[in-house]
Amino acid sequence: MKKILILIAAIGMISAFAARNTAGQKMLPNQKLRIAEAAVAQYYVDTVNEDKLVETAIRSMLESLDPHSAYSNPEETRELNEPLEGNFSGIGITFNMNKDTLYVISTVAGGPSERVGLLAGDRIVKVNDTVIAGKKLRNTEIMKKLRGPKGTKVDVSVLRRVSGRSDTILFTITRADIPINSIDASYMVDSKTGYIRLSRFSAETREEMEKALKELKKKGMKQLILDLVDNGGGYMQPAVEILGEFIEPGRLAVYTEGRNSPRYDHMTSPHGMKPLFSDGRLVVMVNQYTASSSEITTGAIQDWDRGLVVGRRTYGKGLVQRPFPFPDGSMIRLTIAHYYTPSGRDIQKPYEKGDQKGYAMDIVERFNHGELMHADSIKYIDSLKVNTLRLKRPIYGGGGITPDRFVPLDTTDFTKYYRDVTAKGTINQYAINYVDQHRNEIRKKYKTDDDFLRGFVVDDAMLADLFAMAEKDGVKPNEEEAEKSTRLFRMIIKGLIGRDVYDQPTYFKVYNEYDPIFREAYRIINSDEYDKLLAPRQ
């Protein structure tokens, strides 16, 4: 009824303006917008989808502003919010698609699937009355079938291999809240060095970080490597909260300021009586995809000389979005301010309003200009130079956080052949098949993932099987490039097998032995260079 009244009013306004022939008369912008929409809806020659028309207008309006103001429809809004809220309702599995069949990698500890007896290696072939095996469904389509309101039930038919033959088992699973973890891995690298990989900043991040720090300290952690590589950010508040565990209380963590948003300072404050890790060496790993809340965290640690930053210049996403939700579940995320580090650096990289393509191509331009490969290709602007707050070390603004120790992008092992094998999904399929045939054997031989790390070897026969599978998948053989990428192939296969047999952290334990950024972070945290870089300037 309300919509009809608005439409009638707008049409009346159209008629009134037309009758008066008011050329040159000033109109309010929102008045013009309403009249234009009403005119199209009422008089356009063909039928129009009015909802889609309005959504298109909103999207176009926001796209003419900055790169991060955006509109999302109800479904897009749910998908955006879900990883940040920290949980969803579902059956509690990690899965992969293997030849159009859903393959269970692991079940969430204590989750609905584990409680009814679903096992790693099971293949889900049917959900309720819908066959999903061999249907080439997208992951999003499958997740819609498995997820649902808490307390509802879903029937799944599972193909399980037992003693060399396959049996079909029917499970009825009651959906429950499933946590989405912010921390992918937390472990002791050696007797004194802890490692935490943080993949996002969500509602549960502070609790997860607190738990991880306490567990690592119990194991003897005296120094920490915090991995924020590829962390695209999320909520701002968790970044401020975890900084409270690294920096003494009452320090500026970040401030925001905009045209209609007065400066607001966010101060550090530990969750307990005192910070969990305000002493001890700290190194933060970053790269060109480290963004938003990750940059807030990195920038404050660098500004207060709390630790060292290792890797490549971060993305430079320093715009604050405020959500404006609509009653139908859709939402506008409108930029209202900038993020500034404690020293006053604007985290946001430069952009031109409305140039979405140019903004998206920034990382490619960095690669083309050599910035990802060579430290001397990074352009420093003297007018944007500031000093750190305690030791007065020179650091630079201009977008993103520039590391204290640069690590170039390593493309030595990357070849077109490796890219093609990966793009086909052959590596994942090979790892799934291998684990399917050897899971019990691996578990029996390697009791822990540390035993697996030390003893398991991806041998030449395994690589030959992988390359044969790739050829069947349509990848043209290339011995020279396969040989060049051997080290990378071995690492990825071992990591995927370790993840599927043990858990997610096992993958990162394998990967970190290969990763140049981690190796440099580990080297510097154990060297005298750490103290030299954080020494007061004379």
Protein backbone atom coordinates (compact mmCIF):
# COMPACT_ATOMS: atom_id res chain seq x y z
CA MET A 1 0.00 0.00 0.00
CA LYS A 2 2.83 2.36 0.93
CA LYS A 3 4.59 1.66 -2.36
CA ILE A 4 1.38 2.40 -4.30
CA LEU A 5 0.94 5.71 -2.49
CA ILE A 6 4.52 6.73 -3.26
CA LEU A 7 4.01 5.80 -6.91
CA ILE A 8 0.77 7.81 -7.08
CA ALA A 9 2.48 10.78 -5.48
CA ALA A 10 5.40 10.56 -7.89
CA ILE A 11 3.12 10.30 -10.90
CA GLY A 12 1.25 13.32 -9.60
CA MET A 13 4.52 15.19 -9.40
CA ILE A 14 5.34 14.21 -13.00
CA SER A 15 1.99 15.55 -14.19
CA ALA A 16 2.36 18.73 -12.18
CA PHE A 17 5.81 19.50 -13.53
CA ALA A 18 4.73 18.67 -17.08
CA ALA A 19 1.65 20.88 -16.79
CA ARG A 20 3.71 23.86 -15.63
CA ASN A 21 6.45 23.18 -18.20
CA THR A 22 8.96 24.21 -15.55
CA ALA A 23 12.17 24.23 -17.55
CA GLY A 24 15.13 25.29 -15.42
CA GLN A 25 13.29 24.95 -12.15
CA LYS A 26 15.46 23.52 -9.40
CA MET A 27 14.61 20.11 -8.00
CA LEU A 28 15.96 18.13 -5.10
CA PRO A 29 18.11 15.19 -6.32
CA ASN A 30 16.04 12.60 -4.45
CA GLN A 31 12.88 14.15 -5.92
CA LYS A 32 14.24 13.76 -9.46
CA LEU A 33 15.24 10.15 -8.74
CA ARG A 34 11.75 9.23 -7.52
CA ILE A 35 10.10 10.86 -10.51
CA ALA A 36 12.42 9.10 -12.98
CA GLU A 37 11.74 5.69 -11.44
CA ALA A 38 7.99 6.31 -11.35
CA ALA A 39 7.97 7.48 -14.98
CA VAL A 40 9.75 4.33 -16.16
CA ALA A 41 7.52 2.06 -14.10
CA GLN A 42 4.31 3.74 -15.31
CA TYR A 43 4.95 4.74 -18.93
CA TYR A 44 7.81 2.61 -20.36
CA VAL A 45 6.78 0.78 -23.54
CA ASP A 46 7.57 -2.73 -22.21
CA THR A 47 7.10 -4.44 -18.87
CA VAL A 48 9.95 -3.72 -16.47
CA ASN A 49 11.14 -5.47 -13.32
CA GLU A 50 10.86 -2.53 -10.96
CA ASP A 51 12.89 -4.18 -8.18
CA LYS A 52 15.76 -4.89 -10.55
CA LEU A 53 15.50 -1.38 -11.98
CA VAL A 54 15.92 0.19 -8.55
CA GLU A 55 18.77 -2.18 -7.62
CA THR A 56 20.61 -1.28 -10.83
CA ALA A 57 20.20 2.42 -10.08
CA ILE A 58 21.54 1.98 -6.54
CA ARG A 59 24.51 -0.09 -7.72
CA SER A 60 25.38 2.45 -10.43
CA MET A 61 25.12 5.31 -7.94
CA LEU A 62 27.51 3.64 -5.49
CA GLU A 63 29.94 2.53 -8.20
CA SER A 64 30.46 6.18 -9.10
CA LEU A 65 31.84 6.80 -5.60
CA ASP A 66 34.75 4.85 -4.08
CA PRO A 67 35.78 1.23 -4.77
CA HIS A 68 34.27 -0.16 -1.56
CA SER A 69 30.81 1.41 -1.30
CA ALA A 70 28.42 -1.26 -2.56
CA TYR A 71 24.91 -2.65 -2.60
CA SER A 72 24.07 -6.30 -1.88
CA ASN A 73 20.73 -8.05 -2.34
CA PRO A 74 19.36 -10.21 0.50
CA GLU A 75 21.18 -13.38 -0.60
CA GLU A 76 24.46 -11.55 -1.18
CA THR A 77 24.11 -9.88 2.22
CA ARG A 78 23.71 -13.24 3.96
CA GLU A 79 26.77 -14.63 2.16
CA LEU A 80 28.83 -11.55 3.08
CA ASN A 81 27.85 -11.57 6.75
CA GLU A 82 28.04 -15.30 7.41
CA PRO A 83 31.85 -15.66 7.59
CA LEU A 84 32.06 -12.59 9.84
CA GLU A 85 29.32 -13.58 12.26
CA GLY A 86 31.37 -16.61 13.25
CA ASN A 87 28.88 -19.44 12.64
CA PHE A 88 26.09 -20.81 10.49
CA SER A 89 23.62 -23.68 10.82
CA GLY A 90 24.56 -26.84 8.96
CA ILE A 91 25.81 -30.41 9.32
CA GLY A 92 29.45 -29.64 10.19
CA ILE A 93 31.74 -31.03 7.50
CA THR A 94 34.65 -29.85 5.39
CA PHE A 95 34.26 -31.22 1.88
CA ASN A 96 35.75 -31.21 -1.58
CA MET A 97 34.34 -32.19 -4.94
CA ASN A 98 36.06 -35.20 -6.50
CA LYS A 99 34.82 -36.09 -9.97
CA ASP A 100 31.38 -34.57 -9.29
CA THR A 101 31.08 -36.40 -5.98
CA LEU A 102 31.07 -34.73 -2.57
CA TYR A 103 34.01 -36.12 -0.61
CA VAL A 104 34.11 -35.52 3.16
CA ILE A 105 37.55 -34.25 4.16
CA SER A 106 36.76 -33.92 7.86
CA THR A 107 33.92 -33.51 10.33
CA VAL A 108 33.74 -30.64 12.82
CA ALA A 109 34.68 -31.91 16.27
CA GLY A 110 31.51 -32.33 18.31
CA GLY A 111 29.38 -31.28 15.33
CA PRO A 112 26.19 -32.93 14.00
CA SER A 113 27.93 -35.12 11.41
CA GLU A 114 30.53 -36.45 13.85
CA ARG A 115 27.80 -37.25 16.39
CA VAL A 116 25.89 -39.48 13.95
CA GLY A 117 29.05 -41.22 12.73
CA LEU A 118 29.98 -39.58 9.43
CA LEU A 119 33.68 -40.19 8.68
CA ALA A 120 36.43 -38.54 6.66
CA GLY A 121 36.50 -40.24 3.28
CA ASP A 122 32.72 -40.73 3.07
CA ARG A 123 31.03 -39.68 -0.17
CA ILE A 124 27.65 -37.97 0.06
CA VAL A 125 25.66 -39.00 -3.00
CA LYS A 126 22.15 -37.90 -2.02
CA VAL A 127 20.63 -35.11 0.10
CA ASN A 128 17.01 -35.77 1.08
CA ASP A 129 15.42 -36.79 -2.24
CA THR A 130 18.00 -35.08 -4.45
CA VAL A 131 20.88 -37.02 -6.02
CA ILE A 132 23.95 -34.75 -6.01
CA ALA A 133 26.61 -37.20 -7.28
CA GLY A 134 27.50 -36.74 -10.93
CA LYS A 135 25.30 -33.66 -11.33
CA LYS A 136 28.11 -31.10 -11.66
CA LEU A 137 26.57 -28.92 -8.98
CA ARG A 138 28.42 -25.85 -7.75
CA ASN A 139 29.64 -25.75 -4.16
CA THR A 140 27.15 -22.99 -3.38
CA GLU A 141 24.26 -25.14 -4.61
CA ILE A 142 25.36 -28.07 -2.46
CA MET A 143 25.81 -25.88 0.61
CA LYS A 144 22.26 -24.59 0.23
CA LYS A 145 21.00 -28.16 0.44
CA LEU A 146 23.11 -29.08 3.46
CA ARG A 147 22.60 -25.88 5.43
CA GLY A 148 19.36 -24.82 7.04
CA PRO A 149 17.79 -23.57 10.26
CA LYS A 150 19.16 -24.91 13.52
CA GLY A 151 17.22 -27.97 14.73
CA THR A 152 15.94 -29.04 11.31
CA LYS A 153 16.83 -32.47 9.95
CA VAL A 154 18.40 -33.53 6.69
CA ASP A 155 18.79 -37.07 5.30
CA VAL A 156 22.08 -37.87 3.55
CA SER A 157 23.00 -41.05 1.69
CA VAL A 158 26.67 -41.87 2.09
CA LEU A 159 28.87 -44.19 0.05
CA ARG A 160 31.52 -45.67 2.33
CA ARG A 161 34.35 -47.99 1.36
CA VAL A 162 34.78 -50.81 3.88
CA SER A 163 37.17 -53.74 3.43
CA GLY A 164 37.57 -53.12 -0.27
CA ARG A 165 33.89 -52.71 -1.10
CA SER A 166 31.46 -49.82 -0.95
CA ASP A 167 28.27 -49.72 1.09
CA THR A 168 25.53 -47.09 1.08
CA ILE A 169 24.51 -45.81 4.51
CA LEU A 170 21.63 -43.45 5.32
CA PHE A 171 22.16 -40.83 8.03
CA THR A 172 19.61 -38.41 9.47
CA ILE A 173 21.48 -35.35 10.72
CA THR A 174 20.06 -32.57 12.89
CA ARG A 175 21.50 -29.24 11.83
CA ALA A 176 23.22 -27.12 14.47
CA ASP A 177 25.32 -23.97 14.73
CA ILE A 178 28.71 -24.60 13.14
CA PRO A 179 31.63 -22.30 14.03
CA ILE A 180 33.60 -20.56 11.29
CA ASN A 181 37.11 -20.28 12.64
CA SER A 182 39.26 -17.19 12.20
CA ILE A 183 42.46 -19.09 13.05
CA ASP A 184 43.51 -21.69 10.49
CA ALA A 185 46.56 -22.91 12.38
CA SER A 186 48.26 -22.46 15.74
CA TYR A 187 51.36 -24.46 16.68
CA MET A 188 54.86 -24.37 18.11
CA VAL A 189 57.51 -24.09 15.39
CA ASP A 190 60.23 -24.92 17.92
CA SER A 191 60.55 -24.95 21.69
CA LYS A 192 60.14 -21.16 22.00
CA THR A 193 58.55 -19.91 18.72
CA GLY A 194 54.80 -19.92 18.29
CA TYR A 195 52.92 -19.50 15.03
CA ILE A 196 49.33 -18.31 14.50
CA ARG A 197 47.68 -18.00 11.10
CA LEU A 198 44.70 -15.65 11.16
CA SER A 199 42.52 -15.80 8.03
CA ARG A 200 39.79 -13.26 8.87
CA PHE A 201 38.56 -10.84 11.54
CA SER A 202 35.16 -12.06 12.69
CA ALA A 203 32.95 -11.82 15.77
CA GLU A 204 34.82 -14.75 17.37
CA THR A 205 38.38 -13.64 16.56
CA ARG A 206 39.25 -12.23 19.99
CA GLU A 207 38.17 -15.42 21.80
CA GLU A 208 40.07 -17.61 19.33
CA MET A 209 43.20 -15.48 19.61
CA GLU A 210 43.04 -15.47 23.39
CA LYS A 211 42.72 -19.27 23.44
CA ALA A 212 45.58 -19.74 20.97
CA LEU A 213 47.93 -17.42 22.86
CA LYS A 214 47.23 -19.12 26.18
CA GLU A 215 47.79 -22.59 24.71
CA LEU A 216 51.05 -21.59 23.03
CA LYS A 217 52.33 -19.94 26.22
CA LYS A 218 51.62 -23.16 28.12
CA LYS A 219 53.82 -24.93 25.56
CA GLY A 220 56.68 -22.51 26.22
CA MET A 221 56.14 -19.77 23.63
CA LYS A 222 58.51 -16.85 24.11
CA GLN A 223 58.20 -15.31 20.65
CA LEU A 224 55.45 -15.29 18.02
CA ILE A 225 55.03 -15.25 14.25
CA LEU A 226 51.59 -13.84 13.36
CA ASP A 227 50.61 -14.79 9.80
CA LEU A 228 48.27 -12.30 8.11
CA VAL A 229 49.18 -13.27 4.55
CA ASP A 230 46.09 -13.18 2.28
CA ASN A 231 43.92 -12.02 5.21
CA GLY A 232 41.38 -9.71 3.59
CA GLY A 233 40.13 -8.30 6.90
CA GLY A 234 36.57 -8.23 8.22
CA TYR A 235 35.28 -6.44 11.30
CA MET A 236 37.41 -3.62 12.73
CA GLN A 237 36.67 -4.20 16.44
CA PRO A 238 38.41 -7.62 16.65
CA ALA A 239 41.57 -5.97 15.29
CA VAL A 240 41.47 -3.43 18.12
CA GLU A 241 40.73 -6.22 20.61
CA ILE A 242 43.67 -8.43 19.64
CA LEU A 243 46.00 -5.41 19.59
CA GLY A 244 45.07 -5.10 23.26
CA GLU A 245 46.83 -8.44 23.83
CA PHE A 246 50.04 -7.30 22.06
CA ILE A 247 50.38 -3.64 23.06
CA GLU A 248 50.22 -2.11 26.54
CA PRO A 249 46.81 -0.70 27.56
CA GLY A 250 45.73 2.82 26.66
CA ARG A 251 47.65 3.08 23.39
CA LEU A 252 46.01 4.31 20.19
CA ALA A 253 45.23 1.32 17.98
CA VAL A 254 43.60 3.14 15.05
CA TYR A 255 41.48 6.20 14.44
CA THR A 256 38.75 6.92 11.90
CA GLU A 257 37.80 10.25 10.38
CA GLY A 258 35.60 11.44 7.51
CA ARG A 259 33.74 14.48 6.18
CA ASN A 260 30.67 13.82 8.32
CA SER A 261 32.37 11.47 10.78
CA PRO A 262 34.46 13.26 13.43
CA ARG A 263 37.72 11.67 14.47
CA TYR A 264 37.22 8.69 16.76
CA ASP A 265 40.15 7.06 18.58
CA HIS A 266 40.14 3.33 19.30
CA MET A 267 42.39 2.50 22.24
CA THR A 268 44.03 -0.78 23.22
CA SER A 269 42.64 -2.69 26.18
CA PRO A 270 43.34 -6.32 27.12
CA HIS A 271 40.47 -8.67 27.82
CA GLY A 272 42.00 -9.75 31.12
CA MET A 273 43.97 -7.91 33.77
CA LYS A 274 46.98 -7.46 31.48
CA PRO A 275 47.95 -8.20 27.86
CA LEU A 276 48.69 -11.84 27.05
CA PHE A 277 51.73 -11.10 24.89
CA SER A 278 53.00 -7.53 25.26
CA ASP A 279 56.60 -8.74 25.69
CA GLY A 280 58.60 -11.13 23.58
CA ARG A 281 59.62 -10.91 19.96
CA LEU A 282 56.79 -10.53 17.44
CA VAL A 283 56.95 -10.77 13.64
CA VAL A 284 53.94 -10.16 11.39
CA MET A 285 53.77 -11.81 7.96
CA VAL A 286 51.98 -9.83 5.22
CA ASN A 287 51.64 -9.69 1.45
CA GLN A 288 49.84 -7.69 -1.23
CA TYR A 289 46.50 -9.30 -0.33
CA THR A 290 46.68 -8.41 3.37
CA ALA A 291 43.93 -5.83 3.77
CA SER A 292 41.60 -3.81 5.97
CA SER A 293 41.56 -5.03 9.61
CA SER A 294 44.81 -6.88 8.93
CA GLU A 295 46.40 -3.56 7.98
CA ILE A 296 45.04 -1.93 11.13
CA THR A 297 46.74 -4.66 13.18
CA THR A 298 49.98 -4.53 11.21
CA GLY A 299 50.12 -0.74 11.17
CA ALA A 300 49.68 -0.39 14.94
CA ILE A 301 52.32 -3.05 15.69
CA GLN A 302 54.76 -1.27 13.40
CA ASP A 303 53.89 2.25 14.61
CA TRP A 304 54.43 1.33 18.27
CA ASP A 305 57.63 -0.62 17.45
CA ARG A 306 56.02 -3.66 19.05
CA GLY A 307 57.33 -6.00 16.38
CA LEU A 308 58.63 -6.30 12.83
CA VAL A 309 56.67 -6.66 9.61
CA VAL A 310 57.97 -9.10 6.99
CA GLY A 311 56.71 -9.64 3.44
CA ARG A 312 55.37 -7.24 0.79
CA ARG A 313 53.43 -3.97 0.88
CA THR A 314 49.85 -4.63 1.92
CA TYR A 315 46.75 -4.01 -0.20
CA GLY A 316 45.80 -0.54 1.04
CA LYS A 317 42.13 -0.93 1.98
CA GLY A 318 41.57 1.82 4.52
CA LEU A 319 37.98 2.94 3.97
CA VAL A 320 35.36 2.52 6.68
CA GLN A 321 32.01 1.14 5.51
CA ARG A 322 28.82 1.67 7.49
CA PRO A 323 25.98 -0.76 6.75
CA PHE A 324 22.54 0.65 5.92
CA PRO A 325 20.20 -2.36 5.90
CA PHE A 326 16.82 -2.42 4.15
CA PRO A 327 13.79 -4.24 5.58
CA ASP A 328 13.96 -6.90 2.83
CA GLY A 329 17.45 -8.02 3.94
CA SER A 330 19.39 -6.11 1.29
CA MET A 331 21.99 -3.59 2.33
CA ILE A 332 24.10 -0.63 1.33
CA ARG A 333 27.67 -0.51 2.63
CA LEU A 334 28.62 3.15 2.40
CA THR A 335 32.10 4.54 2.96
CA ILE A 336 31.96 7.16 5.71
CA ALA A 337 35.57 7.57 6.86
CA HIS A 338 39.24 6.59 6.48
CA TYR A 339 41.34 4.38 8.77
CA TYR A 340 44.53 5.98 10.09
CA THR A 341 47.34 4.21 11.93
CA PRO A 342 48.50 5.65 15.29
CA SER A 343 51.24 7.65 13.55
CA GLY A 344 48.66 9.25 11.25
CA ARG A 345 49.23 7.18 8.11
CA ASP A 346 46.18 6.84 5.85
CA ILE A 347 45.91 3.12 5.10
CA GLN A 348 43.86 3.65 1.92
CA LYS A 349 45.77 3.60 -1.35
CA PRO A 350 44.96 6.32 -3.91
CA TYR A 351 42.00 5.80 -6.25
CA GLU A 352 39.89 7.66 -8.79
CA LYS A 353 36.16 7.82 -8.13
CA GLY A 354 34.23 5.53 -10.46
CA ASP A 355 37.34 3.80 -11.83
CA GLN A 356 36.59 0.33 -10.51
CA LYS A 357 38.67 -1.39 -13.21
CA GLY A 358 41.78 0.66 -12.53
CA TYR A 359 41.47 0.01 -8.82
CA ALA A 360 41.11 -3.73 -9.38
CA MET A 361 44.19 -3.73 -11.62
CA ASP A 362 46.43 -2.16 -8.97
CA ILE A 363 48.01 -5.48 -7.92
CA VAL A 364 48.71 -6.32 -11.58
CA GLU A 365 50.34 -2.92 -12.01
CA ARG A 366 52.51 -3.55 -8.95
CA PHE A 367 53.63 -6.81 -10.55
CA ASN A 368 54.30 -5.15 -13.92
CA HIS A 369 56.30 -2.37 -12.29
CA GLY A 370 58.44 -4.88 -10.40
CA GLU A 371 57.32 -3.90 -6.91
CA LEU A 372 56.47 -7.50 -5.98
CA MET A 373 59.89 -8.68 -7.09
CA HIS A 374 62.33 -5.96 -6.08
CA ALA A 375 62.46 -3.81 -2.96
CA ASP A 376 64.03 -0.90 -4.85
CA SER A 377 60.94 -0.73 -7.09
CA ILE A 378 58.79 0.45 -4.17
CA LYS A 379 58.14 4.18 -4.56
CA TYR A 380 58.52 6.13 -1.35
CA ILE A 381 57.11 9.66 -1.14
CA ASP A 382 59.20 11.86 1.17
CA SER A 383 56.25 14.07 2.03
CA LEU A 384 54.47 10.98 3.44
CA LYS A 385 57.37 9.94 5.65
CA VAL A 386 56.64 9.71 9.38
CA ASN A 387 58.43 8.19 12.35
CA THR A 388 57.42 5.34 14.57
CA LEU A 389 56.11 6.46 17.94
CA ARG A 390 58.67 4.95 20.31
CA LEU A 391 61.92 4.45 18.44
CA LYS A 392 61.43 7.15 15.77
CA ARG A 393 62.17 4.79 12.90
CA PRO A 394 61.28 6.22 9.46
CA ILE A 395 58.19 4.66 7.87
CA TYR A 396 56.06 5.74 4.93
CA GLY A 397 52.40 6.34 4.16
CA GLY A 398 50.79 6.44 0.75
CA GLY A 399 48.60 3.37 0.94
CA GLY A 400 49.08 0.01 2.61
CA ILE A 401 51.74 -0.92 5.16
CA THR A 402 55.30 -1.25 3.87
CA PRO A 403 57.18 -4.07 5.62
CA ASP A 404 60.36 -3.63 7.63
CA ARG A 405 61.87 -6.56 5.74
CA PHE A 406 60.88 -7.07 2.09
CA VAL A 407 60.43 -10.61 0.72
CA PRO A 408 60.09 -10.83 -3.07
CA LEU A 409 57.40 -12.88 -4.77
CA ASP A 410 59.03 -16.22 -5.64
CA THR A 411 57.95 -17.51 -9.07
CA THR A 412 60.91 -19.86 -9.53
CA ASP A 413 58.83 -23.05 -9.33
CA PHE A 414 55.71 -21.68 -10.99
CA THR A 415 55.18 -22.81 -14.58
CA LYS A 416 52.32 -22.87 -17.08
CA TYR A 417 52.17 -26.64 -16.64
CA TYR A 418 51.74 -26.32 -12.87
CA ARG A 419 49.07 -23.68 -13.44
CA ASP A 420 47.15 -25.94 -15.83
CA VAL A 421 47.33 -28.98 -13.54
CA THR A 422 46.08 -26.86 -10.65
CA ALA A 423 43.33 -25.22 -12.70
CA LYS A 424 41.98 -28.63 -13.68
CA GLY A 425 41.70 -29.59 -10.01
CA THR A 426 43.91 -32.61 -10.64
CA ILE A 427 46.12 -32.06 -7.58
CA ASN A 428 43.11 -32.05 -5.26
CA GLN A 429 41.66 -35.13 -6.93
CA TYR A 430 44.97 -36.96 -6.71
CA ALA A 431 45.34 -36.18 -3.00
CA ILE A 432 41.75 -37.30 -2.30
CA ASN A 433 42.27 -40.58 -4.16
CA TYR A 434 45.60 -41.22 -2.45
CA VAL A 435 44.18 -40.62 1.03
CA ASP A 436 41.17 -42.78 0.17
CA GLN A 437 43.50 -45.71 -0.55
CA HIS A 438 46.17 -45.10 2.11
CA ARG A 439 44.50 -43.30 5.05
CA ASN A 440 44.80 -46.19 7.53
CA GLU A 441 48.30 -47.02 6.35
CA ILE A 442 49.46 -43.40 6.86
CA ARG A 443 47.81 -43.18 10.28
CA LYS A 444 49.42 -46.42 11.38
CA LYS A 445 52.89 -45.46 10.17
CA TYR A 446 52.80 -41.81 11.31
CA LYS A 447 51.02 -41.52 14.65
CA THR A 448 51.10 -37.70 14.69
CA ASP A 449 51.30 -34.99 12.06
CA ASP A 450 54.83 -34.21 13.27
CA ASP A 451 55.80 -37.81 12.46
CA PHE A 452 54.17 -37.30 9.06
CA LEU A 453 56.11 -34.07 8.47
CA ARG A 454 59.43 -35.74 9.27
CA GLY A 455 58.84 -39.05 7.52
CA PHE A 456 56.37 -38.84 4.65
CA VAL A 457 57.90 -38.25 1.21
CA VAL A 458 56.12 -37.57 -2.06
CA ASP A 459 58.24 -39.81 -4.28
CA ASP A 460 58.76 -39.93 -8.04
CA ALA A 461 56.16 -42.68 -8.47
CA MET A 462 53.50 -40.44 -6.89
CA LEU A 463 54.45 -37.57 -9.20
CA ALA A 464 54.27 -39.89 -12.19
CA ASP A 465 50.75 -40.92 -11.16
CA LEU A 466 49.77 -37.27 -10.79
CA PHE A 467 51.10 -36.35 -14.23
CA ALA A 468 49.33 -39.34 -15.79
CA MET A 469 46.08 -38.24 -14.16
CA ALA A 470 46.65 -34.68 -15.45
CA GLU A 471 47.10 -35.98 -18.99
CA LYS A 472 43.78 -37.86 -18.72
CA ASP A 473 42.23 -34.60 -17.54
CA GLY A 474 43.39 -32.91 -20.75
CA VAL A 475 46.64 -31.26 -19.60
CA LYS A 476 49.32 -31.60 -22.26
CA PRO A 477 52.52 -33.18 -20.81
CA ASN A 478 55.57 -30.95 -20.45
CA GLU A 479 58.55 -32.72 -18.89
CA GLU A 480 60.73 -29.62 -18.68
CA GLU A 481 58.13 -27.54 -16.85
CA ALA A 482 57.06 -30.49 -14.68
CA GLU A 483 60.66 -30.88 -13.57
CA LYS A 484 60.96 -27.17 -12.85
CA SER A 485 57.81 -27.31 -10.66
CA THR A 486 58.72 -30.57 -8.89
CA ARG A 487 59.41 -28.94 -5.52
CA LEU A 488 56.09 -27.10 -5.64
CA PHE A 489 54.18 -30.23 -6.68
CA ARG A 490 55.72 -32.24 -3.84
CA MET A 491 54.87 -29.58 -1.26
CA ILE A 492 51.25 -29.13 -2.33
CA ILE A 493 50.56 -32.87 -2.52
CA LYS A 494 52.11 -33.52 0.89
CA GLY A 495 50.22 -30.59 2.41
CA LEU A 496 46.85 -31.73 1.02
CA ILE A 497 47.41 -35.32 2.11
CA GLY A 498 48.45 -34.15 5.59
CA ARG A 499 45.39 -31.90 5.84
CA ASP A 500 43.01 -34.70 4.85
CA VAL A 501 44.57 -37.31 7.17
CA TYR A 502 45.20 -35.05 10.18
CA ASP A 503 43.82 -31.48 10.20
CA GLN A 504 44.06 -28.03 8.63
CA PRO A 505 47.16 -26.90 10.58
CA THR A 506 49.12 -29.79 9.06
CA TYR A 507 48.85 -28.16 5.66
CA PHE A 508 50.44 -24.96 6.96
CA LYS A 509 53.19 -26.88 8.74
CA VAL A 510 54.10 -28.36 5.37
CA TYR A 511 53.62 -25.12 3.44
CA ASN A 512 55.66 -23.00 5.85
CA GLU A 513 58.76 -25.09 5.23
CA TYR A 514 58.48 -23.90 1.62
CA ASP A 515 57.11 -20.36 2.01
CA PRO A 516 59.76 -17.60 1.61
CA ILE A 517 57.87 -15.13 3.83
CA PHE A 518 57.64 -17.61 6.70
CA ARG A 519 61.28 -18.65 6.30
CA GLU A 520 62.39 -15.00 6.49
CA ALA A 521 60.10 -14.34 9.47
CA TYR A 522 61.52 -17.37 11.27
CA ARG A 523 65.10 -16.37 10.42
CA ILE A 524 64.73 -12.80 11.61
CA ILE A 525 62.87 -13.63 14.83
CA ASN A 526 65.79 -15.86 15.82
CA SER A 527 68.59 -13.46 14.84
CA ASP A 528 70.35 -10.43 16.30
CA GLU A 529 68.96 -8.49 13.35
CA TYR A 530 65.59 -8.32 15.13
CA ASP A 531 67.01 -6.17 17.92
CA LYS A 532 69.08 -4.09 15.51
CA LEU A 533 66.01 -3.20 13.44
CA LEU A 534 64.15 -2.19 16.59
CA ALA A 535 67.05 -0.28 18.12
CA PRO A 536 66.51 3.39 19.03
CA ARG A 537 67.85 5.89 16.47
CA GLN A 538 70.71 8.11 17.69
